[in-house]
Amino acid sequence: MTKHFLTRIAASVAIATASMAASAGVIDFTSNAWSSANGQNSYSLNGVTLTALPNGPLNIQSLTFNAGPCGNSLVGLACQGAGIGVGPVDPTQINVLPEALRVSFISAQSIWGVDFLKFVSTTTPLTNTPYSEQMQIRSSIDGTNFGAWQTFTAPNPSATGGYYSAGFRADNVLALEIAGRTFGSGFSTNVLSAASLARITVPVPATLPLIGLGLAAFGGLSLRRRSA
């Protein structure tokens, strides 16, 4: 009976630990939960901090919330608007470098994707010149030193409503920086709409006892088998 009990404990702990390691959630920046970020230079909610980075030494930027219309309401977003932008130059977007948005986390995360709205490849209406909007993302494992920018180009033809999900993947991340850039027209209309995160990426104090219990259970099974 003890053997079966230990087996059940070991299996339960293994399943629970794997489940926590694989669990993921989406931070939806189009949700009204982020409405108080509007007009702030920095805003925190549920362990996530958004900061509008300055565009030059004297130009202090501010965050904007849902300053533009919703893009695609069929992609699982709250989609009450475009999401988080940076102003005041153009409050509907994250504009060209050096204007950027920093997303900081209270604990290390694995990033499984970063989604944008108002992200298109099209032509300028007056000159009929084609251009491709791009977004750039880079990550930091210490919150200070950032790696190289990864660049993502809007599809052409554009996704419905300008919705685009970048295949950005990074582990043990404490901060992201997100910026827009454009080839051809000199402007960009990227707005952060969502970020997909793994909630548990490294063992944390709350999970260590579970892991230890699982190891002890497996160890107990091993000893009983040897003695038998």
C-alpha atoms as a PDB file:
ATOM      1  CA  MET A   1       0.000   0.000   0.000  1.00  0.00           C
ATOM      2  CA  THR A   2       2.869   2.352   0.838  1.00  0.00           C
ATOM      3  CA  LYS A   3       4.360   1.591  -2.549  1.00  0.00           C
ATOM      4  CA  HIS A   4       1.133   2.558  -4.321  1.00  0.00           C
ATOM      5  CA  PHE A   5       0.863   5.724  -2.208  1.00  0.00           C
ATOM      6  CA  LEU A   6       4.402   6.774  -3.089  1.00  0.00           C
ATOM      7  CA  THR A   7       3.730   6.001  -6.730  1.00  0.00           C
ATOM      8  CA  ARG A   8       0.654   8.216  -6.713  1.00  0.00           C
ATOM      9  CA  ILE A   9       2.546  11.066  -4.990  1.00  0.00           C
ATOM     10  CA  ALA A  10       5.458  10.820  -7.408  1.00  0.00           C
ATOM     11  CA  ALA A  11       3.162  10.808 -10.426  1.00  0.00           C
ATOM     12  CA  SER A  12       1.060  13.690  -9.106  1.00  0.00           C
ATOM     13  CA  VAL A  13       4.100  15.836  -8.351  1.00  0.00           C
ATOM     14  CA  ALA A  14       5.622  15.089 -11.760  1.00  0.00           C
ATOM     15  CA  ILE A  15       2.388  16.094 -13.489  1.00  0.00           C
ATOM     16  CA  ALA A  16       1.996  19.228 -11.360  1.00  0.00           C
ATOM     17  CA  THR A  17       5.589  20.312 -11.934  1.00  0.00           C
ATOM     18  CA  ALA A  18       5.353  19.730 -15.685  1.00  0.00           C
ATOM     19  CA  SER A  19       2.045  21.570 -15.776  1.00  0.00           C
ATOM     20  CA  MET A  20       3.495  24.603 -13.980  1.00  0.00           C
ATOM     21  CA  ALA A  21       6.553  24.656 -16.234  1.00  0.00           C
ATOM     22  CA  ALA A  22       4.380  24.537 -19.345  1.00  0.00           C
ATOM     23  CA  SER A  23       1.666  26.910 -18.175  1.00  0.00           C
ATOM     24  CA  ALA A  24       1.262  30.080 -20.162  1.00  0.00           C
ATOM     25  CA  GLY A  25      -0.872  33.170 -20.170  1.00  0.00           C
ATOM     26  CA  VAL A  26      -1.477  36.149 -22.396  1.00  0.00           C
ATOM     27  CA  ILE A  27      -1.203  39.743 -21.259  1.00  0.00           C
ATOM     28  CA  ASP A  28      -3.802  41.553 -23.348  1.00  0.00           C
ATOM     29  CA  PHE A  29      -2.795  45.199 -23.623  1.00  0.00           C
ATOM     30  CA  THR A  30      -6.084  46.080 -25.348  1.00  0.00           C
ATOM     31  CA  SER A  31      -7.990  45.226 -22.166  1.00  0.00           C
ATOM     32  CA  ASN A  32      -9.443  48.037 -20.036  1.00  0.00           C
ATOM     33  CA  ALA A  33      -7.282  46.752 -17.187  1.00  0.00           C
ATOM     34  CA  TRP A  34      -4.475  48.827 -18.767  1.00  0.00           C
ATOM     35  CA  SER A  35      -6.508  52.017 -19.235  1.00  0.00           C
ATOM     36  CA  SER A  36      -4.786  53.781 -16.312  1.00  0.00           C
ATOM     37  CA  ALA A  37      -1.488  53.590 -18.223  1.00  0.00           C
ATOM     38  CA  ASN A  38      -2.753  56.359 -20.500  1.00  0.00           C
ATOM     39  CA  GLY A  39      -0.753  59.560 -20.037  1.00  0.00           C
ATOM     40  CA  GLN A  40       1.776  57.966 -17.667  1.00  0.00           C
ATOM     41  CA  ASN A  41       5.483  57.666 -18.352  1.00  0.00           C
ATOM     42  CA  SER A  42       5.514  54.362 -16.468  1.00  0.00           C
ATOM     43  CA  TYR A  43       2.715  52.096 -15.258  1.00  0.00           C
ATOM     44  CA  SER A  44       2.672  48.778 -13.383  1.00  0.00           C
ATOM     45  CA  LEU A  45      -0.015  46.097 -13.186  1.00  0.00           C
ATOM     46  CA  ASN A  46       0.186  42.537 -11.851  1.00  0.00           C
ATOM     47  CA  GLY A  47       3.978  42.355 -11.894  1.00  0.00           C
ATOM     48  CA  VAL A  48       4.363  43.939 -15.355  1.00  0.00           C
ATOM     49  CA  THR A  49       5.694  47.481 -15.804  1.00  0.00           C
ATOM     50  CA  LEU A  50       5.396  49.491 -19.014  1.00  0.00           C
ATOM     51  CA  THR A  51       7.745  52.444 -19.568  1.00  0.00           C
ATOM     52  CA  ALA A  52       7.742  54.884 -22.476  1.00  0.00           C
ATOM     53  CA  LEU A  53      11.391  55.462 -23.371  1.00  0.00           C
ATOM     54  CA  PRO A  54      12.413  59.028 -24.287  1.00  0.00           C
ATOM     55  CA  ASN A  55      12.845  60.084 -27.889  1.00  0.00           C
ATOM     56  CA  GLY A  56      16.005  62.097 -27.304  1.00  0.00           C
ATOM     57  CA  PRO A  57      17.355  63.572 -24.043  1.00  0.00           C
ATOM     58  CA  LEU A  58      14.697  66.290 -23.628  1.00  0.00           C
ATOM     59  CA  ASN A  59      11.613  64.608 -25.037  1.00  0.00           C
ATOM     60  CA  ILE A  60       9.917  62.686 -22.243  1.00  0.00           C
ATOM     61  CA  GLN A  61       7.367  60.333 -23.721  1.00  0.00           C
ATOM     62  CA  SER A  62       4.137  59.026 -22.249  1.00  0.00           C
ATOM     63  CA  LEU A  63       2.152  55.840 -22.655  1.00  0.00           C
ATOM     64  CA  THR A  64      -1.108  55.863 -24.551  1.00  0.00           C
ATOM     65  CA  PHE A  65      -3.967  53.389 -24.323  1.00  0.00           C
ATOM     66  CA  ASN A  66      -6.369  52.468 -27.127  1.00  0.00           C
ATOM     67  CA  ALA A  67      -5.682  55.712 -28.975  1.00  0.00           C
ATOM     68  CA  GLY A  68      -6.596  54.113 -32.297  1.00  0.00           C
ATOM     69  CA  PRO A  69      -9.474  51.919 -33.460  1.00  0.00           C
ATOM     70  CA  CYS A  70      -9.481  48.182 -32.876  1.00  0.00           C
ATOM     71  CA  GLY A  71      -7.793  46.069 -35.494  1.00  0.00           C
ATOM     72  CA  ASN A  72      -9.049  42.496 -35.630  1.00  0.00           C
ATOM     73  CA  SER A  73     -11.635  41.453 -33.029  1.00  0.00           C
ATOM     74  CA  LEU A  74     -11.369  37.787 -34.070  1.00  0.00           C
ATOM     75  CA  VAL A  75      -7.917  37.050 -32.631  1.00  0.00           C
ATOM     76  CA  GLY A  76      -8.775  36.559 -28.964  1.00  0.00           C
ATOM     77  CA  LEU A  77      -7.980  40.096 -27.831  1.00  0.00           C
ATOM     78  CA  ALA A  78     -10.290  42.311 -25.820  1.00  0.00           C
ATOM     79  CA  CYS A  79      -9.861  44.609 -28.820  1.00  0.00           C
ATOM     80  CA  GLN A  80     -11.498  47.692 -27.335  1.00  0.00           C
ATOM     81  CA  GLY A  81      -8.781  49.632 -29.153  1.00  0.00           C
ATOM     82  CA  ALA A  82      -5.343  49.269 -30.627  1.00  0.00           C
ATOM     83  CA  GLY A  83      -3.514  48.711 -27.332  1.00  0.00           C
ATOM     84  CA  ILE A  84      -0.440  50.451 -25.881  1.00  0.00           C
ATOM     85  CA  GLY A  85       1.285  53.204 -27.852  1.00  0.00           C
ATOM     86  CA  VAL A  86       3.821  55.919 -27.068  1.00  0.00           C
ATOM     87  CA  GLY A  87       3.241  59.678 -27.433  1.00  0.00           C
ATOM     88  CA  PRO A  88       3.070  62.576 -27.839  1.00  0.00           C
ATOM     89  CA  VAL A  89       4.533  62.642 -31.383  1.00  0.00           C
ATOM     90  CA  ASP A  90       1.924  60.180 -32.612  1.00  0.00           C
ATOM     91  CA  PRO A  91      -0.048  58.762 -29.690  1.00  0.00           C
ATOM     92  CA  THR A  92      -1.584  55.969 -31.743  1.00  0.00           C
ATOM     93  CA  GLN A  93       1.648  54.054 -32.188  1.00  0.00           C
ATOM     94  CA  ILE A  94       5.137  53.032 -31.174  1.00  0.00           C
ATOM     95  CA  ASN A  95       7.056  55.217 -33.575  1.00  0.00           C
ATOM     96  CA  VAL A  96      10.450  54.940 -35.241  1.00  0.00           C
ATOM     97  CA  LEU A  97      13.621  54.606 -33.181  1.00  0.00           C
ATOM     98  CA  PRO A  98      14.762  55.917 -30.773  1.00  0.00           C
ATOM     99  CA  GLU A  99      11.164  56.003 -29.480  1.00  0.00           C
ATOM    100  CA  ALA A 100      10.512  52.684 -27.796  1.00  0.00           C
ATOM    101  CA  LEU A 101       8.495  50.882 -25.147  1.00  0.00           C
ATOM    102  CA  ARG A 102      10.001  48.847 -22.305  1.00  0.00           C
ATOM    103  CA  VAL A 103       8.117  45.935 -20.749  1.00  0.00           C
ATOM    104  CA  SER A 104       9.626  44.813 -17.426  1.00  0.00           C
ATOM    105  CA  PHE A 105       8.663  41.778 -15.348  1.00  0.00           C
ATOM    106  CA  ILE A 106       8.892  41.284 -11.607  1.00  0.00           C
ATOM    107  CA  SER A 107      10.297  37.777 -12.151  1.00  0.00           C
ATOM    108  CA  ALA A 108      11.970  35.949 -15.019  1.00  0.00           C
ATOM    109  CA  GLN A 109       9.634  34.918 -17.830  1.00  0.00           C
ATOM    110  CA  SER A 110       9.771  32.947 -21.045  1.00  0.00           C
ATOM    111  CA  ILE A 111       8.353  34.947 -23.923  1.00  0.00           C
ATOM    112  CA  TRP A 112       6.399  32.883 -26.421  1.00  0.00           C
ATOM    113  CA  GLY A 113       5.186  35.665 -28.662  1.00  0.00           C
ATOM    114  CA  VAL A 114       4.570  39.392 -28.996  1.00  0.00           C
ATOM    115  CA  ASP A 115       1.482  40.577 -30.856  1.00  0.00           C
ATOM    116  CA  PHE A 116       0.829  43.900 -32.550  1.00  0.00           C
ATOM    117  CA  LEU A 117      -2.048  45.796 -34.143  1.00  0.00           C
ATOM    118  CA  LYS A 118      -1.902  48.505 -36.803  1.00  0.00           C
ATOM    119  CA  PHE A 119       1.045  46.758 -38.426  1.00  0.00           C
ATOM    120  CA  VAL A 120       0.893  46.818 -42.208  1.00  0.00           C
ATOM    121  CA  SER A 121       2.747  46.803 -45.502  1.00  0.00           C
ATOM    122  CA  THR A 122       1.111  49.137 -47.981  1.00  0.00           C
ATOM    123  CA  THR A 123       1.755  52.230 -50.101  1.00  0.00           C
ATOM    124  CA  THR A 124       1.786  55.923 -49.246  1.00  0.00           C
ATOM    125  CA  PRO A 125      -1.435  57.485 -50.549  1.00  0.00           C
ATOM    126  CA  LEU A 126       0.110  60.549 -52.255  1.00  0.00           C
ATOM    127  CA  THR A 127       3.202  59.121 -53.922  1.00  0.00           C
ATOM    128  CA  ASN A 128       2.065  55.505 -54.268  1.00  0.00           C
ATOM    129  CA  THR A 129       5.407  54.452 -52.795  1.00  0.00           C
ATOM    130  CA  PRO A 130       5.420  50.990 -51.220  1.00  0.00           C
ATOM    131  CA  TYR A 131       6.703  50.633 -47.683  1.00  0.00           C
ATOM    132  CA  SER A 132       6.961  47.866 -45.116  1.00  0.00           C
ATOM    133  CA  GLU A 133       6.491  48.578 -41.455  1.00  0.00           C
ATOM    134  CA  GLN A 134       8.762  46.731 -39.115  1.00  0.00           C
ATOM    135  CA  MET A 135       8.864  46.127 -35.415  1.00  0.00           C
ATOM    136  CA  GLN A 136      11.987  45.408 -33.452  1.00  0.00           C
ATOM    137  CA  ILE A 137      12.185  43.486 -30.193  1.00  0.00           C
ATOM    138  CA  ARG A 138      15.122  42.800 -27.903  1.00  0.00           C
ATOM    139  CA  SER A 139      15.322  41.162 -24.498  1.00  0.00           C
ATOM    140  CA  SER A 140      17.339  41.356 -21.286  1.00  0.00           C
ATOM    141  CA  ILE A 141      17.894  38.704 -18.632  1.00  0.00           C
ATOM    142  CA  ASP A 142      19.032  41.263 -16.022  1.00  0.00           C
ATOM    143  CA  GLY A 143      16.707  44.149 -16.891  1.00  0.00           C
ATOM    144  CA  THR A 144      19.617  46.386 -17.919  1.00  0.00           C
ATOM    145  CA  ASN A 145      21.767  44.872 -20.653  1.00  0.00           C
ATOM    146  CA  PHE A 146      19.862  44.079 -23.844  1.00  0.00           C
ATOM    147  CA  GLY A 147      20.699  41.731 -26.677  1.00  0.00           C
ATOM    148  CA  ALA A 148      20.507  42.464 -30.385  1.00  0.00           C
ATOM    149  CA  TRP A 149      17.292  43.692 -31.971  1.00  0.00           C
ATOM    150  CA  GLN A 150      15.204  41.085 -33.755  1.00  0.00           C
ATOM    151  CA  THR A 151      13.286  42.601 -36.655  1.00  0.00           C
ATOM    152  CA  PHE A 152       9.841  41.534 -37.869  1.00  0.00           C
ATOM    153  CA  THR A 153       8.339  42.846 -41.115  1.00  0.00           C
ATOM    154  CA  ALA A 154       4.612  43.273 -41.683  1.00  0.00           C
ATOM    155  CA  PRO A 155       3.151  40.769 -44.151  1.00  0.00           C
ATOM    156  CA  ASN A 156       2.012  41.906 -47.553  1.00  0.00           C
ATOM    157  CA  PRO A 157      -0.890  41.778 -48.045  1.00  0.00           C
ATOM    158  CA  SER A 158      -1.406  42.749 -44.429  1.00  0.00           C
ATOM    159  CA  ALA A 159      -3.289  40.598 -41.976  1.00  0.00           C
ATOM    160  CA  THR A 160      -6.875  41.637 -41.297  1.00  0.00           C
ATOM    161  CA  GLY A 161      -6.944  44.788 -39.227  1.00  0.00           C
ATOM    162  CA  GLY A 162      -3.167  44.964 -39.097  1.00  0.00           C
ATOM    163  CA  TYR A 163      -2.939  42.170 -36.506  1.00  0.00           C
ATOM    164  CA  TYR A 164       0.429  40.446 -36.466  1.00  0.00           C
ATOM    165  CA  SER A 165       1.879  37.845 -34.126  1.00  0.00           C
ATOM    166  CA  ALA A 166       5.671  37.913 -34.076  1.00  0.00           C
ATOM    167  CA  GLY A 167       7.434  34.599 -33.520  1.00  0.00           C
ATOM    168  CA  PHE A 168       9.646  36.104 -30.836  1.00  0.00           C
ATOM    169  CA  ARG A 169      11.025  33.530 -28.364  1.00  0.00           C
ATOM    170  CA  ALA A 170      13.276  34.206 -25.361  1.00  0.00           C
ATOM    171  CA  ASP A 171      13.799  32.595 -21.948  1.00  0.00           C
ATOM    172  CA  ASN A 172      14.599  33.988 -18.473  1.00  0.00           C
ATOM    173  CA  VAL A 173      13.581  37.484 -19.566  1.00  0.00           C
ATOM    174  CA  LEU A 174      13.286  40.356 -17.089  1.00  0.00           C
ATOM    175  CA  ALA A 175      12.626  43.053 -19.704  1.00  0.00           C
ATOM    176  CA  LEU A 176      11.727  43.597 -23.341  1.00  0.00           C
ATOM    177  CA  GLU A 177      12.214  46.676 -25.469  1.00  0.00           C
ATOM    178  CA  ILE A 178       9.938  47.201 -28.460  1.00  0.00           C
ATOM    179  CA  ALA A 179      10.367  49.792 -31.202  1.00  0.00           C
ATOM    180  CA  GLY A 180       9.026  50.485 -34.669  1.00  0.00           C
ATOM    181  CA  ARG A 181      10.843  51.300 -37.850  1.00  0.00           C
ATOM    182  CA  THR A 182       9.819  51.641 -41.470  1.00  0.00           C
ATOM    183  CA  PHE A 183      11.532  51.317 -44.829  1.00  0.00           C
ATOM    184  CA  GLY A 184      10.151  53.580 -47.529  1.00  0.00           C
ATOM    185  CA  SER A 185       7.887  56.064 -45.780  1.00  0.00           C
ATOM    186  CA  GLY A 186       9.646  57.166 -42.612  1.00  0.00           C
ATOM    187  CA  PHE A 187       6.827  56.357 -40.207  1.00  0.00           C
ATOM    188  CA  SER A 188       5.387  53.364 -38.450  1.00  0.00           C
ATOM    189  CA  THR A 189       2.071  52.464 -36.817  1.00  0.00           C
ATOM    190  CA  ASN A 190       2.974  49.596 -34.547  1.00  0.00           C
ATOM    191  CA  VAL A 191       0.962  49.267 -31.334  1.00  0.00           C
ATOM    192  CA  LEU A 192       1.552  46.617 -28.692  1.00  0.00           C
ATOM    193  CA  SER A 193      -1.607  44.543 -28.384  1.00  0.00           C
ATOM    194  CA  ALA A 194      -0.578  41.429 -26.484  1.00  0.00           C
ATOM    195  CA  ALA A 195       2.360  39.442 -25.143  1.00  0.00           C
ATOM    196  CA  SER A 196       2.299  35.692 -24.564  1.00  0.00           C
ATOM    197  CA  LEU A 197       4.303  34.624 -21.543  1.00  0.00           C
ATOM    198  CA  ALA A 198       5.183  31.425 -19.769  1.00  0.00           C
ATOM    199  CA  ARG A 199       4.209  32.143 -16.185  1.00  0.00           C
ATOM    200  CA  ILE A 200       6.780  29.786 -14.606  1.00  0.00           C
ATOM    201  CA  THR A 201      10.143  29.464 -16.293  1.00  0.00           C
ATOM    202  CA  VAL A 202      12.612  28.713 -13.510  1.00  0.00           C
ATOM    203  CA  PRO A 203      12.176  26.930 -10.163  1.00  0.00           C
ATOM    204  CA  VAL A 204      10.857  29.415  -7.623  1.00  0.00           C
ATOM    205  CA  PRO A 205      10.628  28.930  -3.847  1.00  0.00           C
ATOM    206  CA  ALA A 206       6.996  27.847  -3.980  1.00  0.00           C
ATOM    207  CA  THR A 207       7.771  25.019  -6.409  1.00  0.00           C
ATOM    208  CA  LEU A 208      10.975  23.722  -4.835  1.00  0.00           C
ATOM    209  CA  PRO A 209       9.195  21.822  -2.006  1.00  0.00           C
ATOM    210  CA  LEU A 210       7.049  20.074  -4.612  1.00  0.00           C
ATOM    211  CA  ILE A 211      10.108  19.076  -6.602  1.00  0.00           C
ATOM    212  CA  GLY A 212      11.801  17.832  -3.430  1.00  0.00           C
ATOM    213  CA  LEU A 213       8.713  15.846  -2.464  1.00  0.00           C
ATOM    214  CA  GLY A 214       8.647  14.245  -5.883  1.00  0.00           C
ATOM    215  CA  LEU A 215      12.314  13.275  -5.661  1.00  0.00           C
ATOM    216  CA  ALA A 216      11.792  11.863  -2.175  1.00  0.00           C
ATOM    217  CA  ALA A 217       8.843   9.824  -3.382  1.00  0.00           C
ATOM    218  CA  PHE A 218      10.821   8.363  -6.259  1.00  0.00           C
ATOM    219  CA  GLY A 219      13.715   7.695  -3.893  1.00  0.00           C
ATOM    220  CA  GLY A 220      11.416   5.862  -1.515  1.00  0.00           C
ATOM    221  CA  LEU A 221      10.163   3.695  -4.340  1.00  0.00           C
ATOM    222  CA  SER A 222      13.722   2.873  -5.354  1.00  0.00           C
ATOM    223  CA  LEU A 223      14.701   1.848  -1.801  1.00  0.00           C
ATOM    224  CA  ARG A 224      11.629  -0.350  -1.397  1.00  0.00           C
ATOM    225  CA  ARG A 225      12.382  -2.111  -4.675  1.00  0.00           C
ATOM    226  CA  ARG A 226      15.983  -2.813  -3.589  1.00  0.00           C
ATOM    227  CA  SER A 227      14.900  -4.150  -0.201  1.00  0.00           C
ATOM    228  CA  ALA A 228      12.297  -6.368  -1.852  1.00  0.00           C
END
